[in-house]
C-alpha atoms as a PDB file:
ATOM      1  CA  MET A   1      -5.947  59.117 -51.050  1.00  0.00           C
ATOM      2  CA  ALA A   2      -7.557  55.385 -50.533  1.00  0.00           C
ATOM      3  CA  ILE A   3     -10.650  53.935 -53.033  1.00  0.00           C
ATOM      4  CA  ASN A   4     -14.082  54.456 -51.185  1.00  0.00           C
ATOM      5  CA  VAL A   5     -17.433  52.411 -51.195  1.00  0.00           C
ATOM      6  CA  ILE A   6     -20.495  54.946 -51.875  1.00  0.00           C
ATOM      7  CA  ASN A   7     -22.962  52.625 -50.089  1.00  0.00           C
ATOM      8  CA  LYS A   8     -25.873  54.967 -51.329  1.00  0.00           C
ATOM      9  CA  LEU A   9     -24.640  53.892 -55.060  1.00  0.00           C
ATOM     10  CA  CYS A  10     -24.242  50.414 -54.112  1.00  0.00           C
ATOM     11  CA  PRO A  11     -27.461  48.379 -54.661  1.00  0.00           C
ATOM     12  CA  GLU A  12     -28.445  46.321 -51.726  1.00  0.00           C
ATOM     13  CA  ASN A  13     -29.173  42.475 -52.921  1.00  0.00           C
ATOM     14  CA  HIS A  14     -26.553  41.486 -55.209  1.00  0.00           C
ATOM     15  CA  ARG A  15     -23.066  40.126 -55.344  1.00  0.00           C
ATOM     16  CA  CYS A  16     -20.684  43.015 -56.184  1.00  0.00           C
ATOM     17  CA  PRO A  17     -18.987  42.404 -59.952  1.00  0.00           C
ATOM     18  CA  MET A  18     -16.020  44.204 -58.625  1.00  0.00           C
ATOM     19  CA  VAL A  19     -14.822  41.609 -55.949  1.00  0.00           C
ATOM     20  CA  ARG A  20     -13.781  39.250 -58.935  1.00  0.00           C
ATOM     21  CA  ALA A  21     -12.516  42.352 -61.243  1.00  0.00           C
ATOM     22  CA  CYS A  22      -9.622  43.405 -58.519  1.00  0.00           C
ATOM     23  CA  PRO A  23      -6.278  42.127 -59.156  1.00  0.00           C
ATOM     24  CA  LYS A  24      -4.917  41.983 -55.750  1.00  0.00           C
ATOM     25  CA  GLY A  25      -7.884  40.453 -53.742  1.00  0.00           C
ATOM     26  CA  ALA A  26      -8.594  44.150 -52.091  1.00  0.00           C
ATOM     27  CA  ILE A  27     -12.547  44.148 -52.501  1.00  0.00           C
ATOM     28  CA  ALA A  28     -14.783  41.825 -50.068  1.00  0.00           C
ATOM     29  CA  GLN A  29     -18.308  41.266 -49.522  1.00  0.00           C
ATOM     30  CA  GLU A  30     -20.079  39.248 -46.604  1.00  0.00           C
ATOM     31  CA  GLY A  31     -22.908  37.982 -48.361  1.00  0.00           C
ATOM     32  CA  TYR A  32     -25.544  40.744 -50.056  1.00  0.00           C
ATOM     33  CA  LEU A  33     -23.790  43.631 -48.331  1.00  0.00           C
ATOM     34  CA  ALA A  34     -21.802  46.444 -49.414  1.00  0.00           C
ATOM     35  CA  PRO A  35     -18.403  45.558 -50.600  1.00  0.00           C
ATOM     36  CA  ILE A  36     -15.575  46.467 -48.463  1.00  0.00           C
ATOM     37  CA  ILE A  37     -12.268  47.333 -49.299  1.00  0.00           C
ATOM     38  CA  ASP A  38      -8.602  46.333 -47.562  1.00  0.00           C
ATOM     39  CA  SER A  39      -6.544  49.305 -47.920  1.00  0.00           C
ATOM     40  CA  SER A  40      -3.582  47.041 -47.106  1.00  0.00           C
ATOM     41  CA  LYS A  41      -3.739  45.005 -50.456  1.00  0.00           C
ATOM     42  CA  CYS A  42      -5.091  48.139 -52.533  1.00  0.00           C
ATOM     43  CA  VAL A  43      -2.713  49.346 -55.069  1.00  0.00           C
ATOM     44  CA  GLU A  44      -5.114  52.116 -56.039  1.00  0.00           C
ATOM     45  CA  CYS A  45      -4.928  50.809 -59.909  1.00  0.00           C
ATOM     46  CA  MET A  46      -8.506  52.117 -60.501  1.00  0.00           C
ATOM     47  CA  ILE A  47      -9.757  49.140 -61.875  1.00  0.00           C
ATOM     48  CA  CYS A  48     -13.209  48.940 -59.160  1.00  0.00           C
ATOM     49  CA  VAL A  49     -13.925  52.615 -59.991  1.00  0.00           C
ATOM     50  CA  ASN A  50     -13.478  52.836 -63.380  1.00  0.00           C
ATOM     51  CA  ASN A  51     -15.290  49.873 -63.995  1.00  0.00           C
ATOM     52  CA  CYS A  52     -18.065  49.667 -61.032  1.00  0.00           C
ATOM     53  CA  PRO A  53     -21.592  49.897 -63.331  1.00  0.00           C
ATOM     54  CA  TYR A  54     -23.401  51.686 -60.339  1.00  0.00           C
ATOM     55  CA  GLY A  55     -20.340  54.875 -60.055  1.00  0.00           C
ATOM     56  CA  ALA A  56     -20.145  52.956 -56.583  1.00  0.00           C
ATOM     57  CA  PHE A  57     -16.263  53.582 -56.178  1.00  0.00           C
ATOM     58  CA  GLU A  58     -14.256  56.531 -55.586  1.00  0.00           C
ATOM     59  CA  LYS A  59     -10.702  57.925 -55.376  1.00  0.00           C
END
């Protein structure tokens, strides 16, 4: 099962702290848009799910 971003929980106009937190570089963000997870790089370590201050990542 993949990790997903819940866009309605992710605030607009901010830099996602999980981009830097991801040990595999699987999370990218273009400008201030919602982050995108590259499922080919994601190892489902759950760092983003457990540490997103907005609860915007889910498994």
